[in-house]
N, C-alpha and C. Protein backbone atom coordinates (compact mmCIF):
# COMPACT_ATOMS: atom_id res chain seq x y z
N MET A 1 -2.78 -29.25 27.55
CA MET A 1 -1.68 -30.26 26.96
C MET A 1 -1.04 -30.85 28.25
N ASN A 2 -0.84 -32.32 28.16
CA ASN A 2 -0.06 -32.95 29.23
C ASN A 2 1.42 -32.57 29.20
N ARG A 3 1.85 -32.35 30.52
CA ARG A 3 3.31 -32.22 30.52
C ARG A 3 4.12 -33.43 30.40
N PHE A 4 5.34 -33.46 29.78
CA PHE A 4 5.97 -34.65 29.84
C PHE A 4 7.43 -34.42 29.96
N LYS A 5 8.31 -35.46 30.32
CA LYS A 5 9.73 -35.14 30.36
C LYS A 5 10.37 -35.12 29.00
N ASP A 6 11.17 -34.36 28.62
CA ASP A 6 11.79 -34.23 27.34
C ASP A 6 12.86 -35.31 27.33
N LEU A 7 12.71 -36.24 26.33
CA LEU A 7 13.65 -37.30 26.13
C LEU A 7 14.47 -37.07 25.02
N THR A 8 14.41 -35.91 24.22
CA THR A 8 15.18 -35.62 23.03
C THR A 8 16.52 -35.73 23.42
N GLY A 9 17.33 -36.56 22.38
CA GLY A 9 18.74 -36.78 22.52
C GLY A 9 19.29 -38.02 23.38
N LYS A 10 18.23 -38.51 24.22
CA LYS A 10 18.61 -39.59 25.13
C LYS A 10 18.62 -40.83 24.34
N LYS A 11 19.32 -41.91 24.83
CA LYS A 11 19.60 -43.11 24.19
C LYS A 11 18.93 -44.26 24.91
N PHE A 12 18.18 -45.11 24.45
CA PHE A 12 17.51 -46.27 24.98
C PHE A 12 17.98 -47.45 24.21
N GLY A 13 18.84 -48.20 24.66
CA GLY A 13 19.32 -49.40 23.76
C GLY A 13 19.95 -48.81 22.55
N ARG A 14 19.42 -49.29 21.40
CA ARG A 14 19.98 -48.77 20.08
C ARG A 14 19.29 -47.61 19.61
N LEU A 15 18.26 -47.12 20.29
CA LEU A 15 17.38 -46.05 19.96
C LEU A 15 17.76 -44.83 20.47
N THR A 16 17.97 -43.72 19.61
CA THR A 16 18.10 -42.31 19.96
C THR A 16 16.96 -41.51 19.80
N VAL A 17 16.39 -40.87 20.70
CA VAL A 17 15.22 -40.03 20.75
C VAL A 17 15.45 -38.68 19.86
N MET A 18 14.63 -38.52 18.90
CA MET A 18 14.86 -37.40 17.87
C MET A 18 14.00 -36.25 18.40
N SER A 19 12.67 -36.58 18.38
CA SER A 19 11.50 -35.46 18.73
C SER A 19 10.34 -36.09 19.22
N VAL A 20 9.27 -35.43 19.51
CA VAL A 20 8.06 -35.86 20.00
C VAL A 20 7.17 -36.10 18.54
N ALA A 21 6.52 -37.13 18.64
CA ALA A 21 5.69 -37.27 17.51
C ALA A 21 4.38 -36.39 17.52
N ASN A 22 3.75 -36.05 16.49
CA ASN A 22 2.59 -35.37 16.51
C ASN A 22 1.19 -36.09 17.05
N LYS A 23 1.38 -37.27 17.11
CA LYS A 23 0.14 -38.07 17.58
C LYS A 23 0.48 -38.83 19.02
N ARG A 24 -0.81 -38.96 19.69
CA ARG A 24 -0.64 -39.53 20.83
C ARG A 24 -1.55 -40.82 20.99
N TYR A 25 -1.26 -41.44 21.98
CA TYR A 25 -2.31 -42.55 22.16
C TYR A 25 -3.58 -42.20 22.75
N LYS A 26 -4.60 -42.99 22.93
CA LYS A 26 -5.90 -42.61 23.53
C LYS A 26 -5.75 -42.21 24.86
N ASP A 27 -4.84 -42.72 25.58
CA ASP A 27 -4.68 -42.29 27.00
C ASP A 27 -3.65 -41.18 27.22
N ARG A 28 -3.43 -40.52 25.99
CA ARG A 28 -2.60 -39.26 25.98
C ARG A 28 -1.15 -39.68 26.33
N GLY A 29 -0.68 -41.04 26.10
CA GLY A 29 0.67 -41.40 26.15
C GLY A 29 1.45 -40.70 25.00
N VAL A 30 2.62 -40.27 25.24
CA VAL A 30 3.53 -39.58 24.37
C VAL A 30 4.11 -40.76 23.39
N ILE A 31 4.38 -40.21 22.16
CA ILE A 31 5.00 -41.08 21.11
C ILE A 31 6.16 -40.39 20.73
N TRP A 32 7.27 -41.01 20.56
CA TRP A 32 8.59 -40.26 20.34
C TRP A 32 9.13 -40.69 18.95
N ASN A 33 9.76 -39.89 18.15
CA ASN A 33 10.32 -40.36 16.74
C ASN A 33 11.78 -40.68 17.34
N CYS A 34 12.15 -41.90 17.07
CA CYS A 34 13.52 -42.48 17.43
C CYS A 34 14.33 -42.75 15.99
N LEU A 35 15.75 -42.86 16.19
CA LEU A 35 16.51 -43.20 15.12
C LEU A 35 17.30 -44.48 15.83
N CYS A 36 17.29 -45.49 14.99
CA CYS A 36 17.92 -46.62 15.36
C CYS A 36 19.40 -46.59 14.97
N ASP A 37 20.41 -47.25 15.64
CA ASP A 37 21.68 -47.38 15.15
C ASP A 37 21.97 -47.91 13.82
N CYS A 38 20.98 -48.70 13.40
CA CYS A 38 21.08 -49.28 12.19
C CYS A 38 20.49 -48.27 10.96
N GLY A 39 20.04 -47.13 11.43
CA GLY A 39 19.57 -46.13 10.34
C GLY A 39 18.13 -46.10 10.15
N ASN A 40 17.29 -47.08 10.67
CA ASN A 40 15.96 -46.96 10.51
C ASN A 40 15.35 -45.89 11.65
N LYS A 41 14.08 -45.32 11.17
CA LYS A 41 13.45 -44.34 11.99
C LYS A 41 12.20 -45.14 12.47
N VAL A 42 11.88 -45.10 13.72
CA VAL A 42 10.73 -45.59 14.38
C VAL A 42 9.96 -44.75 15.39
N LYS A 43 8.67 -45.00 15.60
CA LYS A 43 7.85 -44.17 16.42
C LYS A 43 7.75 -45.10 17.64
N VAL A 44 8.13 -44.73 18.78
CA VAL A 44 8.06 -45.58 20.00
C VAL A 44 7.23 -44.82 21.15
N ARG A 45 6.47 -45.53 21.87
CA ARG A 45 5.68 -44.99 22.97
C ARG A 45 6.71 -44.85 24.10
N GLU A 46 6.48 -43.78 24.81
CA GLU A 46 7.46 -43.20 26.06
C GLU A 46 7.58 -44.29 26.88
N ARG A 47 6.57 -44.95 27.38
CA ARG A 47 6.72 -45.98 28.48
C ARG A 47 7.45 -47.09 28.01
N HIS A 48 7.45 -47.59 26.68
CA HIS A 48 8.30 -48.67 26.18
C HIS A 48 9.61 -48.40 26.13
N LEU A 49 9.92 -47.15 25.84
CA LEU A 49 11.43 -46.59 25.93
C LEU A 49 11.83 -46.77 27.44
N ILE A 50 11.17 -46.22 28.46
CA ILE A 50 11.64 -45.98 29.79
C ILE A 50 11.74 -47.37 30.40
N ASP A 51 10.73 -48.10 30.04
CA ASP A 51 10.71 -49.55 30.73
C ASP A 51 11.65 -50.65 30.13
N GLY A 52 12.26 -50.13 29.25
CA GLY A 52 13.19 -51.02 28.45
C GLY A 52 12.58 -52.15 27.49
N GLY A 53 11.33 -51.98 27.30
CA GLY A 53 10.55 -52.89 26.40
C GLY A 53 10.88 -52.73 24.98
N THR A 54 11.34 -51.62 24.55
CA THR A 54 11.71 -51.39 23.05
C THR A 54 13.10 -50.88 23.14
N ARG A 55 14.12 -51.68 22.55
CA ARG A 55 15.44 -51.32 22.46
C ARG A 55 16.10 -51.05 21.09
N SER A 56 15.22 -51.44 20.18
CA SER A 56 15.66 -51.09 18.74
C SER A 56 14.48 -51.05 17.73
N CYS A 57 14.77 -51.01 16.48
CA CYS A 57 13.63 -50.82 15.49
C CYS A 57 13.08 -52.33 15.16
N GLY A 58 13.70 -53.25 15.78
CA GLY A 58 13.49 -54.72 15.57
C GLY A 58 14.74 -55.43 14.98
N CYS A 59 15.73 -54.67 14.63
CA CYS A 59 17.16 -55.14 14.07
C CYS A 59 17.81 -56.04 15.07
N LEU A 60 17.63 -55.88 16.47
CA LEU A 60 18.14 -56.44 17.50
C LEU A 60 17.52 -57.90 17.58
N MET A 61 16.37 -58.04 17.38
CA MET A 61 15.75 -59.30 17.39
C MET A 61 16.14 -60.19 16.30
N ILE A 62 16.28 -59.42 15.06
CA ILE A 62 16.74 -60.28 13.84
C ILE A 62 18.06 -60.83 14.00
N GLU A 63 18.93 -59.93 14.66
CA GLU A 63 20.40 -60.40 14.86
C GLU A 63 20.37 -61.55 15.64
N HIS A 64 19.67 -61.46 16.68
CA HIS A 64 19.74 -62.54 17.80
C HIS A 64 18.98 -63.80 17.18
N THR A 65 18.01 -63.72 16.31
CA THR A 65 17.54 -64.82 15.89
C THR A 65 18.49 -65.50 14.85
N LYS A 66 19.23 -64.79 14.17
CA LYS A 66 20.33 -65.27 13.24
C LYS A 66 21.36 -66.05 13.94
N ILE A 67 21.80 -65.39 14.95
CA ILE A 67 22.82 -66.04 15.77
C ILE A 67 22.32 -67.43 16.23
N ILE A 68 20.99 -67.50 16.86
CA ILE A 68 20.40 -68.62 17.34
C ILE A 68 20.29 -69.83 16.28
N GLN A 69 19.97 -69.35 15.03
CA GLN A 69 19.77 -70.40 14.15
C GLN A 69 21.19 -70.87 13.60
N VAL A 70 22.27 -70.05 13.67
CA VAL A 70 23.58 -70.56 13.18
C VAL A 70 24.04 -71.49 14.22
N LYS A 71 23.85 -71.22 15.43
CA LYS A 71 24.12 -72.21 16.58
C LYS A 71 23.46 -73.39 16.50
N ALA A 72 22.14 -73.41 16.26
CA ALA A 72 21.38 -74.49 16.24
C ALA A 72 21.75 -75.48 15.06
N THR A 73 22.10 -74.93 13.96
CA THR A 73 22.40 -75.78 12.81
C THR A 73 23.86 -76.38 12.91
N ASN A 74 24.57 -75.83 13.77
CA ASN A 74 26.17 -76.35 13.92
C ASN A 74 26.35 -76.99 15.14
N VAL A 75 25.28 -77.34 16.02
CA VAL A 75 25.41 -78.10 17.17
C VAL A 75 26.07 -79.27 16.89
N ASP A 76 27.32 -79.43 17.53
CA ASP A 76 28.01 -80.68 17.63
C ASP A 76 28.21 -81.24 16.22
N ARG A 77 28.53 -80.43 15.17
CA ARG A 77 28.64 -80.75 13.85
C ARG A 77 30.26 -80.99 13.64
N PHE A 78 30.58 -82.23 13.18
CA PHE A 78 31.97 -82.62 12.95
C PHE A 78 32.08 -83.19 11.78
N LYS A 79 32.93 -82.80 10.84
CA LYS A 79 33.10 -83.38 9.57
C LYS A 79 31.70 -83.62 8.81
N GLY A 80 31.00 -82.66 8.91
CA GLY A 80 29.71 -82.71 8.19
C GLY A 80 28.63 -83.63 8.78
N THR A 81 28.92 -84.25 10.07
CA THR A 81 28.02 -85.11 10.57
C THR A 81 27.64 -84.55 12.15
N LYS A 82 26.33 -84.59 12.28
CA LYS A 82 25.82 -84.24 13.59
C LYS A 82 26.23 -85.29 14.76
N ILE A 83 27.09 -85.09 15.68
CA ILE A 83 27.47 -86.08 16.52
C ILE A 83 26.32 -86.62 17.31
N GLY A 84 25.38 -85.74 17.73
CA GLY A 84 24.35 -86.09 18.57
C GLY A 84 23.33 -87.15 17.92
N GLN A 85 23.43 -87.16 16.47
CA GLN A 85 22.55 -88.00 15.84
C GLN A 85 23.20 -89.46 15.76
N LEU A 86 24.49 -89.61 15.83
CA LEU A 86 25.09 -90.84 15.99
C LEU A 86 24.85 -91.63 17.40
N THR A 87 24.65 -90.83 18.33
CA THR A 87 24.62 -91.30 19.73
C THR A 87 23.07 -91.04 20.34
N ARG A 88 22.12 -90.65 19.51
CA ARG A 88 21.03 -90.45 20.18
C ARG A 88 20.20 -91.73 20.27
N LYS A 89 19.24 -91.51 21.10
CA LYS A 89 18.26 -92.69 21.58
C LYS A 89 17.23 -93.02 20.54
N ILE A 90 16.77 -94.23 20.49
CA ILE A 90 15.80 -94.74 19.38
C ILE A 90 14.66 -94.00 19.44
N SER A 91 13.92 -93.76 18.20
CA SER A 91 12.65 -93.00 17.99
C SER A 91 11.62 -93.90 18.73
N SER A 92 10.79 -93.27 19.18
CA SER A 92 9.65 -94.13 19.78
C SER A 92 8.79 -94.71 18.78
N SER A 93 8.91 -94.32 17.42
CA SER A 93 8.08 -94.77 16.36
C SER A 93 8.82 -95.92 15.71
N ASN A 94 10.00 -96.33 16.22
CA ASN A 94 10.74 -97.35 15.45
C ASN A 94 10.19 -98.63 15.79
N SER A 95 10.03 -99.49 14.76
CA SER A 95 9.34 -100.86 14.71
C SER A 95 10.19 -101.98 15.08
N SER A 96 11.48 -101.76 14.84
CA SER A 96 12.28 -102.99 15.23
C SER A 96 13.07 -102.98 16.59
N GLY A 97 12.98 -101.58 17.16
CA GLY A 97 13.69 -101.46 18.52
C GLY A 97 15.09 -101.34 18.38
N TYR A 98 15.64 -101.09 16.98
CA TYR A 98 16.90 -100.81 16.80
C TYR A 98 17.06 -99.56 15.87
N LYS A 99 18.10 -98.67 16.03
CA LYS A 99 18.36 -97.57 15.21
C LYS A 99 18.69 -98.06 13.80
N GLY A 100 18.07 -97.40 12.74
CA GLY A 100 18.42 -97.76 11.36
C GLY A 100 17.92 -98.97 10.77
N ILE A 101 17.18 -99.72 11.46
CA ILE A 101 16.50 -100.91 11.04
C ILE A 101 14.93 -100.88 11.07
N ASN A 102 14.26 -101.09 9.93
CA ASN A 102 13.07 -101.08 9.82
C ASN A 102 12.44 -102.12 8.94
N TRP A 103 11.07 -102.57 9.05
CA TRP A 103 10.46 -103.62 8.26
C TRP A 103 10.00 -103.16 7.04
N ASP A 104 10.26 -103.64 5.97
CA ASP A 104 10.02 -103.09 4.50
C ASP A 104 8.87 -104.14 4.12
N LYS A 105 7.62 -103.54 4.25
CA LYS A 105 6.47 -104.34 3.97
C LYS A 105 6.36 -105.04 2.59
N LYS A 106 6.83 -104.34 1.62
CA LYS A 106 6.91 -104.61 0.12
C LYS A 106 7.68 -105.77 -0.06
N ARG A 107 8.87 -105.70 0.48
CA ARG A 107 9.88 -106.84 0.46
C ARG A 107 9.83 -107.94 1.29
N ARG A 108 9.00 -107.47 2.38
CA ARG A 108 8.87 -108.44 3.65
C ARG A 108 10.28 -109.01 4.30
N LYS A 109 11.07 -107.84 4.36
CA LYS A 109 12.37 -108.11 4.96
C LYS A 109 12.84 -106.95 5.82
N TRP A 110 13.78 -107.04 6.54
CA TRP A 110 14.41 -105.95 7.47
C TRP A 110 15.32 -105.19 6.57
N ARG A 111 15.08 -103.90 6.54
CA ARG A 111 16.04 -102.87 5.84
C ARG A 111 17.06 -102.31 6.75
N VAL A 112 18.18 -102.30 6.48
CA VAL A 112 19.11 -101.68 7.38
C VAL A 112 19.84 -100.53 6.45
N ARG A 113 19.98 -99.29 7.33
CA ARG A 113 20.67 -98.11 6.72
C ARG A 113 21.18 -97.32 7.83
N LEU A 114 22.00 -96.53 7.42
CA LEU A 114 22.55 -95.36 8.32
C LEU A 114 22.70 -94.02 7.74
N THR A 115 22.80 -93.03 8.41
CA THR A 115 23.02 -91.77 7.78
C THR A 115 24.31 -91.22 8.35
N LEU A 116 25.16 -90.69 7.35
CA LEU A 116 26.52 -90.26 7.70
C LEU A 116 26.73 -88.82 6.96
N ALA A 117 27.07 -87.76 7.70
CA ALA A 117 27.25 -86.51 7.02
C ALA A 117 26.02 -86.02 6.04
N GLY A 118 25.01 -86.37 6.42
CA GLY A 118 23.61 -86.00 5.79
C GLY A 118 23.34 -86.83 4.75
N LYS A 119 24.04 -87.95 4.51
CA LYS A 119 23.72 -88.90 3.26
C LYS A 119 23.47 -90.18 3.85
N GLU A 120 22.27 -90.84 3.36
CA GLU A 120 21.80 -92.05 3.82
C GLU A 120 22.64 -93.16 3.20
N LYS A 121 23.01 -94.11 3.78
CA LYS A 121 23.77 -95.17 3.21
C LYS A 121 22.92 -96.48 3.42
N HIS A 122 22.34 -97.12 2.24
CA HIS A 122 21.72 -98.34 2.41
C HIS A 122 22.63 -99.66 2.56
N LEU A 123 22.41 -100.46 3.60
CA LEU A 123 23.29 -101.46 4.06
C LEU A 123 22.78 -102.76 3.62
N GLY A 124 21.54 -102.97 3.32
CA GLY A 124 21.00 -104.29 2.74
C GLY A 124 19.70 -104.57 3.32
N TYR A 125 19.05 -105.66 2.86
CA TYR A 125 17.74 -106.27 3.24
C TYR A 125 18.14 -107.68 3.90
N PHE A 126 17.45 -107.95 4.85
CA PHE A 126 17.65 -109.29 5.72
C PHE A 126 16.32 -110.00 6.07
N ASP A 127 16.39 -111.34 5.99
CA ASP A 127 15.14 -112.04 6.37
C ASP A 127 15.00 -112.25 7.91
N LYS A 128 16.10 -112.13 8.59
CA LYS A 128 16.30 -112.38 10.08
C LYS A 128 16.61 -111.03 10.79
N LEU A 129 15.86 -110.59 11.84
CA LEU A 129 16.24 -109.36 12.46
C LEU A 129 17.56 -109.42 13.08
N LYS A 130 18.14 -110.57 13.54
CA LYS A 130 19.56 -110.83 14.01
C LYS A 130 20.45 -110.55 13.10
N ASP A 131 20.26 -110.88 11.96
CA ASP A 131 21.22 -110.65 10.84
C ASP A 131 21.34 -109.08 10.42
N ALA A 132 20.27 -108.41 10.46
CA ALA A 132 20.09 -106.92 10.37
C ALA A 132 20.87 -106.23 11.39
N ILE A 133 20.65 -106.63 12.72
CA ILE A 133 21.26 -106.01 13.84
C ILE A 133 22.82 -106.28 13.67
N ASP A 134 23.22 -107.43 13.37
CA ASP A 134 24.67 -107.49 13.27
C ASP A 134 25.26 -106.73 12.24
N CYS A 135 24.49 -106.56 10.95
CA CYS A 135 25.06 -105.77 9.92
C CYS A 135 25.11 -104.16 10.36
N ARG A 136 24.17 -103.82 11.09
CA ARG A 136 24.02 -102.43 11.54
C ARG A 136 25.14 -102.16 12.44
N LYS A 137 25.44 -103.08 13.53
CA LYS A 137 26.57 -102.91 14.44
C LYS A 137 27.82 -102.78 13.83
N LYS A 138 28.10 -103.71 12.85
CA LYS A 138 29.31 -103.65 12.09
C LYS A 138 29.49 -102.31 11.34
N ALA A 139 28.48 -101.84 10.77
CA ALA A 139 28.47 -100.56 10.05
C ALA A 139 28.87 -99.36 11.12
N GLU A 140 28.21 -99.54 12.02
CA GLU A 140 28.46 -98.40 13.17
C GLU A 140 29.95 -98.43 13.68
N GLU A 141 30.55 -99.63 13.78
CA GLU A 141 31.90 -99.81 14.37
C GLU A 141 32.75 -99.13 13.10
N LYS A 142 32.30 -99.42 11.82
CA LYS A 142 33.10 -98.95 10.71
C LYS A 142 32.98 -97.41 10.28
N TYR A 143 31.87 -96.86 10.42
CA TYR A 143 31.57 -95.52 10.08
C TYR A 143 31.46 -94.60 11.12
N PHE A 144 30.79 -95.01 12.23
CA PHE A 144 30.53 -94.14 13.41
C PHE A 144 31.66 -93.93 14.37
N LYS A 145 32.13 -94.99 14.71
CA LYS A 145 33.13 -95.07 15.81
C LYS A 145 34.47 -94.10 15.47
N PRO A 146 34.95 -94.23 14.35
CA PRO A 146 36.12 -93.40 14.00
C PRO A 146 35.94 -91.88 14.21
N ILE A 147 34.53 -91.60 13.76
CA ILE A 147 34.21 -90.08 13.60
C ILE A 147 34.01 -89.70 15.14
N ILE A 148 33.41 -90.50 15.85
CA ILE A 148 33.15 -90.11 17.48
C ILE A 148 34.53 -90.08 18.18
N GLU A 149 35.32 -90.85 17.81
CA GLU A 149 36.68 -90.85 18.58
C GLU A 149 37.47 -89.68 18.16
N GLU A 150 37.41 -89.36 16.83
CA GLU A 150 38.05 -88.13 16.42
C GLU A 150 37.57 -86.86 16.82
N TYR A 151 36.21 -86.96 17.12
CA TYR A 151 35.53 -85.72 17.61
C TYR A 151 36.00 -85.65 19.07
N LYS A 152 35.96 -86.53 19.91
CA LYS A 152 36.34 -86.57 21.37
C LYS A 152 37.78 -86.03 21.50
N LYS A 153 38.47 -86.49 20.61
CA LYS A 153 39.99 -85.93 20.70
C LYS A 153 40.12 -84.56 20.53
N SER A 154 39.25 -83.97 19.53
CA SER A 154 39.37 -82.57 19.24
C SER A 154 38.77 -81.69 20.30
N LEU A 155 38.03 -82.26 21.22
CA LEU A 155 37.54 -81.29 22.35
C LEU A 155 38.63 -80.83 23.21
């Protein structure tokens, strides 16, 4: 039988080594029964404990993922509005060259809209692109500018 260093009672990240498992890997690698701080029991290969590859039963990764998701959904959110969306560049798929303005084939007019606090606001249909642009600029001044200024003051 291969000799191995006894890791019983040692702590690796959130894992505490409890005992040697009855099974081995094909290369005779030792497997340890471990108890995670969260209460789960797992079997972990010795080298994964020692090299730091395994630090928990998986709960650590779940916690980090939840934190990242919360941060991603709340990035620059102010009064229910994502500030980055108010100031972002125009999409490459935009047909008019202006944010919130697109050609409505059915009506054969320029449609103007904006999104604020997750809700889309329809501003109208226009025969001329210039009129649509003017409408959009006025709406940005009315709706976006106060929020952006208030956001900057809050920083």
